[in-house]
Amino acid sequence: MTDIDFREYVEVINDWPEPGKAVIDISRLIEHPTVFHEAVVALAKPLLELKPNKVIGIEQRGLALGSAIAYYLGCGIVPARSIAYLPEDYKRGVEWLPVSRLADRRLALVTESIDPGDRVAIVDDWLIQGTTVLALLKVLEKLGATCVGISCVINNLSETRRKLLGRPDIHCLIEGLETDALDSAD
């Protein structure tokens, strides 16, 4: 593995989509083949020994990264996606998850994509409060599946929030990124 400073390839966009909020832009990380490859390997390798059979990618950036990680691991990818992309007459069962970074404030997870006994890894770009991950953990438990680990580009979870999640294995590229909008972003 090369010695890459992943901080050089991410940007925090403060006060977007509204004042006091923030998003992370990992476009430069995923557009450079070598950097993207190294990021995927760094996030996927620790998951190999945990033997997941499915990866949940959290919309949008976590889904893009999660797809590559799932491919590396030989797993299926299950999107936790914005409800804006589901038609009203959608026939598959869906669990709704809260999220504060999207305009519609909810994500959809197709429940029939998760089977009892599945070993699931969750992938997102940025963990701050862990609200969406916590909702996913509850859905996985309800469906009889287990979260075996979490991979993210940036981990800003406090120890209190990690305890709330049950202290799952969290693998990240960047720990504790400084930003002005941490208190109001999710």
Foldseek 3Di string as FASTA:
>chain_A
DDDDQQVVQKDWDAQPPHHLEIDMDNPSQCVDVVSLVVQLCQQQVVCLVLDFQEEEAEPDVSQVSRVSSCVVNVHYYWYFADPVPPDPPDDFDWDWAAFDRDPVRITITRLVVDAAAGEYEYGYAEAQQCRRVQVVQVSCVVRNYHHQEYEYAEYNYDVVSCVSSVNHHYGYNYYNDDDPNSVPHD
